Amino acid sequence: IILVTALDSKDSLVRGLDAGADEFVSKPVNGSELRARVRSMLRVKQQYDALNAMLQLREDMANMLIHDMRTPLAAIALQVGLVLKQQNLAAKDLQALQTVQSEVRHLESFINDMLLVAKMERDKLLLNREPCDLGQLVQQLVSRYELLAQLRQIKLVLDMPKRPLVMPIDETLFSRMLDNLLSNALKFSPTGGTITVCLHEVNEQAAGVVRRIQVSDEGSGIPEEERRNIFDKFKIVSLKREGLS
């Protein structure tokens, strides 16, 4: 959009640019200048279109690679699971295979996260809410990390009521969220530390009775100045892990 205007004040120019204009030409109009501005804007548009095409190609290739990676990972997980069913495995071999199985799950979770982000950005994410026992789901997810926690000499503690806490949720998305919290807690917890997963009900006046899940660890935490960036998918926060290389 090129504005042709008799207004020449800076305030008018700023208002025009803020309204969406890309260029401006002051009256009286000089034909050569106007044609030059149009050619300049066309070059910008061509570069913009080329950049969008490149970004789209990169996105399509990334999505293709993500989908293609799922097949070999599924094959690895299947073979490891079959070997783990054997009864004559040595303790050392069993531990190694369980570690491989855990890391395969991590890779699968990374892939699922990338697919999830892609769906969210394209507004194609549909929530499938079904009644679910939160306590049972939390216990299942925590049990996946018990072996890894033992290897790291980290204690996993569950704090939740014995009675069922049922509510409608998208179990897949909820599991992904909690899985990421547990994975990060283990990653940044010091050796010998404790990770506490707490599930409880809170009576809030505005919202009524709500169910709250809290994952606490003894890591260094996110610096105060970085907390505003935690939901930026392209932001990587460097954390100092004392006593760890």
Protein backbone atom coordinates (compact mmCIF):
# COMPACT_ATOMS: atom_id res chain seq x y z
CA ILE A 1 0.00 0.00 0.00
CA ILE A 2 1.46 3.32 -1.13
CA LEU A 3 -0.12 6.47 0.26
CA VAL A 4 -0.34 9.48 -2.01
CA THR A 5 -1.04 12.36 0.37
CA ALA A 6 -0.84 16.11 0.75
CA LEU A 7 -0.15 15.62 4.48
CA ASP A 8 3.52 16.05 5.23
CA SER A 9 3.76 16.13 9.01
CA LYS A 10 5.59 13.36 10.84
CA ASP A 11 2.49 12.59 12.90
CA SER A 12 0.46 12.03 9.72
CA LEU A 13 3.20 9.78 8.33
CA VAL A 14 3.31 7.73 11.53
CA ARG A 15 -0.49 7.33 11.53
CA GLY A 16 -0.41 6.16 7.92
CA LEU A 17 2.32 3.58 8.57
CA ASP A 18 0.56 2.38 11.72
CA ALA A 19 -2.64 1.96 9.68
CA GLY A 20 -0.84 -0.50 7.37
CA ALA A 21 0.76 1.57 4.63
CA ASP A 22 4.17 0.48 3.33
CA GLU A 23 5.27 3.66 1.55
CA PHE A 24 4.11 7.21 0.93
CA VAL A 25 4.45 9.82 -1.78
CA SER A 26 3.75 13.49 -1.12
CA LYS A 27 1.64 15.59 -3.44
CA PRO A 28 2.18 16.99 -6.00
CA VAL A 29 3.06 13.58 -7.40
CA ASN A 30 6.13 13.14 -9.57
CA GLY A 31 5.49 10.35 -12.08
CA SER A 32 9.07 9.06 -12.08
CA GLU A 33 9.19 8.97 -8.29
CA LEU A 34 5.85 7.16 -8.05
CA ARG A 35 6.92 4.51 -10.60
CA ALA A 36 10.21 4.04 -8.72
CA ARG A 37 8.35 3.57 -5.44
CA VAL A 38 6.05 1.02 -7.09
CA ARG A 39 9.02 -0.91 -8.48
CA SER A 40 10.64 -0.83 -5.03
CA MET A 41 7.48 -2.21 -3.40
CA LEU A 42 7.23 -4.93 -6.05
CA ARG A 43 10.79 -6.04 -5.26
CA VAL A 44 9.89 -6.17 -1.57
CA LYS A 45 6.76 -8.19 -2.39
CA GLN A 46 8.76 -10.65 -4.49
CA GLN A 47 11.27 -11.13 -1.68
CA TYR A 48 8.44 -11.57 0.80
CA ASP A 49 6.78 -14.22 -1.38
CA ALA A 50 10.10 -16.02 -1.89
CA LEU A 51 10.71 -16.04 1.87
CA ASN A 52 7.23 -17.41 2.55
CA ALA A 53 7.74 -20.11 -0.06
CA MET A 54 11.05 -21.10 1.53
CA LEU A 55 9.52 -21.20 5.02
CA GLN A 56 6.63 -23.31 3.75
CA LEU A 57 9.04 -25.72 2.07
CA ARG A 58 11.04 -26.02 5.29
CA GLU A 59 7.87 -26.65 7.28
CA ASP A 60 6.68 -29.30 4.82
CA MET A 61 10.05 -31.06 4.92
CA ALA A 62 10.11 -30.96 8.73
CA ASN A 63 6.62 -32.45 8.93
CA MET A 64 7.58 -35.15 6.43
CA LEU A 65 10.70 -36.06 8.41
CA ILE A 66 8.75 -36.13 11.67
CA HIS A 67 6.20 -38.56 10.23
CA ASP A 68 8.94 -40.71 8.67
CA MET A 69 10.83 -40.92 11.99
CA ARG A 70 7.87 -42.51 13.74
CA THR A 71 8.14 -45.76 11.77
CA PRO A 72 11.74 -46.71 12.74
CA LEU A 73 11.14 -45.59 16.33
CA ALA A 74 8.08 -47.83 16.54
CA ALA A 75 10.14 -50.74 15.20
CA ILE A 76 12.88 -50.12 17.79
CA ALA A 77 10.33 -49.92 20.61
CA LEU A 78 8.71 -53.17 19.44
CA GLN A 79 12.00 -55.07 19.27
CA VAL A 80 13.16 -53.80 22.67
CA GLY A 81 9.81 -54.80 24.16
CA LEU A 82 10.11 -58.32 22.73
CA VAL A 83 13.63 -58.76 24.13
CA LEU A 84 12.52 -57.47 27.55
CA LYS A 85 9.96 -60.29 27.72
CA GLN A 86 12.74 -62.88 27.79
CA GLN A 87 13.29 -64.46 31.19
CA ASN A 88 17.03 -65.17 30.99
CA LEU A 89 18.37 -61.62 30.77
CA ALA A 90 21.23 -60.63 33.01
CA ALA A 91 20.53 -57.75 35.40
CA LYS A 92 23.00 -55.48 33.57
CA ASP A 93 21.46 -56.25 30.16
CA LEU A 94 17.94 -55.75 31.53
CA GLN A 95 18.88 -52.34 32.91
CA ALA A 96 20.48 -51.30 29.62
CA LEU A 97 17.43 -52.35 27.60
CA GLN A 98 15.11 -50.50 29.98
CA THR A 99 17.23 -47.39 29.52
CA VAL A 100 16.98 -47.75 25.72
CA GLN A 101 13.22 -48.17 26.05
CA SER A 102 13.00 -45.02 28.16
CA GLU A 103 15.02 -42.97 25.67
CA VAL A 104 12.89 -44.24 22.76
CA ARG A 105 9.85 -42.97 24.64
CA HIS A 106 11.55 -39.61 25.00
CA LEU A 107 12.19 -39.42 21.27
CA GLU A 108 8.58 -40.35 20.60
CA SER A 109 7.47 -37.60 22.98
CA PHE A 110 9.61 -35.03 21.14
CA ILE A 111 8.04 -36.05 17.84
CA ASN A 112 4.55 -35.88 19.31
CA ASP A 113 5.31 -32.42 20.69
CA MET A 114 6.38 -31.17 17.26
CA LEU A 115 3.24 -32.59 15.65
CA LEU A 116 1.15 -31.01 18.39
CA VAL A 117 2.69 -27.58 17.83
CA ALA A 118 2.11 -27.88 14.09
CA LYS A 119 -1.58 -28.65 14.65
CA MET A 120 -1.94 -25.75 17.06
CA GLU A 121 -0.37 -23.30 14.62
CA ARG A 122 -2.73 -24.45 11.87
CA ASP A 123 -5.78 -24.27 14.17
CA LYS A 124 -6.38 -27.99 13.58
CA LEU A 125 -6.05 -29.10 17.18
CA LEU A 126 -9.28 -30.66 18.44
CA LEU A 127 -9.74 -31.47 22.12
CA ASN A 128 -11.18 -34.89 22.92
CA ARG A 129 -12.49 -34.56 26.48
CA GLU A 130 -13.41 -37.80 28.25
CA PRO A 131 -13.89 -38.60 31.95
CA CYS A 132 -10.55 -39.63 33.43
CA ASP A 133 -9.27 -40.53 36.89
CA LEU A 134 -6.46 -38.00 37.36
CA GLY A 135 -4.85 -39.98 40.19
CA GLN A 136 -4.58 -43.15 38.14
CA LEU A 137 -3.22 -41.24 35.16
CA VAL A 138 -0.60 -39.47 37.27
CA GLN A 139 0.52 -42.77 38.82
CA GLN A 140 0.92 -44.37 35.39
CA LEU A 141 3.02 -41.46 34.11
CA VAL A 142 5.20 -41.31 37.20
CA SER A 143 5.86 -45.07 37.03
CA ARG A 144 7.51 -44.59 33.62
CA TYR A 145 10.25 -42.53 35.24
CA GLU A 146 10.92 -44.69 38.30
CA LEU A 147 13.82 -46.58 36.71
CA LEU A 148 15.45 -43.42 35.38
CA ALA A 149 15.01 -41.77 38.77
CA GLN A 150 16.69 -44.74 40.46
CA LEU A 151 19.64 -44.53 38.07
CA ARG A 152 19.98 -40.82 38.90
CA GLN A 153 19.51 -41.54 42.62
CA ILE A 154 16.49 -39.24 42.67
CA LYS A 155 13.48 -39.92 44.87
CA LEU A 156 10.00 -39.70 43.34
CA VAL A 157 7.25 -38.83 45.82
CA LEU A 158 3.51 -38.94 45.10
CA ASP A 159 1.15 -36.83 47.22
CA MET A 160 -2.47 -37.37 46.26
CA PRO A 161 -5.79 -38.40 47.81
CA LYS A 162 -6.75 -42.07 47.80
CA ARG A 163 -10.23 -41.42 46.41
CA PRO A 164 -10.68 -41.03 42.64
CA LEU A 165 -10.59 -37.54 41.16
CA VAL A 166 -12.51 -37.86 37.89
CA MET A 167 -12.88 -34.99 35.44
CA PRO A 168 -13.25 -34.60 31.65
CA ILE A 169 -9.87 -33.97 30.00
CA ASP A 170 -8.04 -34.66 26.77
CA GLU A 171 -5.98 -37.54 28.14
CA THR A 172 -3.39 -37.43 25.35
CA LEU A 173 -2.62 -33.71 25.72
CA PHE A 174 -2.74 -33.90 29.51
CA SER A 175 -0.29 -36.80 29.48
CA ARG A 176 2.05 -34.89 27.17
CA MET A 177 2.01 -31.89 29.48
CA LEU A 178 2.73 -33.91 32.62
CA ASP A 179 5.33 -36.02 30.81
CA ASN A 180 7.23 -32.86 29.87
CA LEU A 181 7.11 -31.58 33.46
CA LEU A 182 8.47 -34.86 34.83
CA SER A 183 11.15 -35.10 32.15
CA ASN A 184 12.39 -31.57 32.88
CA ALA A 185 12.29 -32.17 36.62
CA LEU A 186 14.50 -35.25 36.24
CA LYS A 187 16.81 -33.48 33.82
CA PHE A 188 17.57 -30.59 36.14
CA SER A 189 17.32 -32.27 39.55
CA PRO A 190 20.60 -32.82 41.42
CA THR A 191 21.72 -36.34 42.24
CA GLY A 192 20.14 -37.43 45.51
CA GLY A 193 17.32 -34.90 45.17
CA THR A 194 13.57 -35.36 45.48
CA ILE A 195 10.80 -34.76 42.97
CA THR A 196 7.31 -34.37 44.42
CA VAL A 197 4.17 -34.77 42.33
CA CYS A 198 1.17 -33.37 44.18
CA LEU A 199 -2.46 -33.76 43.11
CA HIS A 200 -5.11 -32.13 45.26
CA GLU A 201 -8.36 -30.21 45.24
CA VAL A 202 -8.50 -26.52 46.02
CA ASN A 203 -11.64 -24.56 46.79
CA GLU A 204 -11.29 -21.21 45.06
CA GLN A 205 -14.10 -18.70 45.51
CA ALA A 206 -14.08 -17.51 41.92
CA ALA A 207 -13.75 -20.90 40.20
CA GLY A 208 -15.16 -23.23 42.83
CA VAL A 209 -13.46 -26.59 43.44
CA VAL A 210 -10.50 -27.08 41.11
CA ARG A 211 -8.01 -29.93 40.75
CA ARG A 212 -4.39 -28.86 40.80
CA ILE A 213 -1.26 -30.81 39.87
CA GLN A 214 2.13 -29.55 40.97
CA VAL A 215 5.54 -30.99 40.05
CA SER A 216 8.29 -29.75 42.38
CA ASP A 217 12.01 -30.49 42.19
CA GLU A 218 15.18 -29.28 43.89
CA GLY A 219 16.89 -27.92 40.79
CA SER A 220 18.22 -24.41 40.38
CA GLY A 221 15.00 -23.19 38.76
CA ILE A 222 14.42 -20.67 35.99
CA PRO A 223 15.99 -17.24 36.58
CA GLU A 224 13.45 -14.52 37.34
CA GLU A 225 14.41 -12.51 34.25
CA GLU A 226 13.78 -15.53 31.99
CA ARG A 227 10.35 -16.56 33.30
CA ARG A 228 8.45 -14.30 30.93
CA ASN A 229 9.95 -16.31 28.03
CA ILE A 230 9.01 -19.82 29.18
CA PHE A 231 6.14 -20.12 26.66
CA ASP A 232 8.28 -18.94 23.73
CA LYS A 233 8.84 -22.10 21.66
CA PHE A 234 12.05 -20.69 20.14
CA LYS A 235 13.56 -19.60 23.48
CA ILE A 236 16.22 -21.72 25.14
CA VAL A 237 17.00 -20.84 28.72
CA SER A 238 20.53 -21.59 29.92
CA LEU A 239 20.47 -22.92 33.46
CA LYS A 240 23.47 -23.33 35.72
CA ARG A 241 23.52 -26.78 37.25
CA GLU A 242 25.79 -26.67 40.24
CA GLY A 243 27.96 -29.73 40.67
CA LEU A 244 27.03 -31.07 37.24
CA SER A 245 29.06 -30.91 34.04
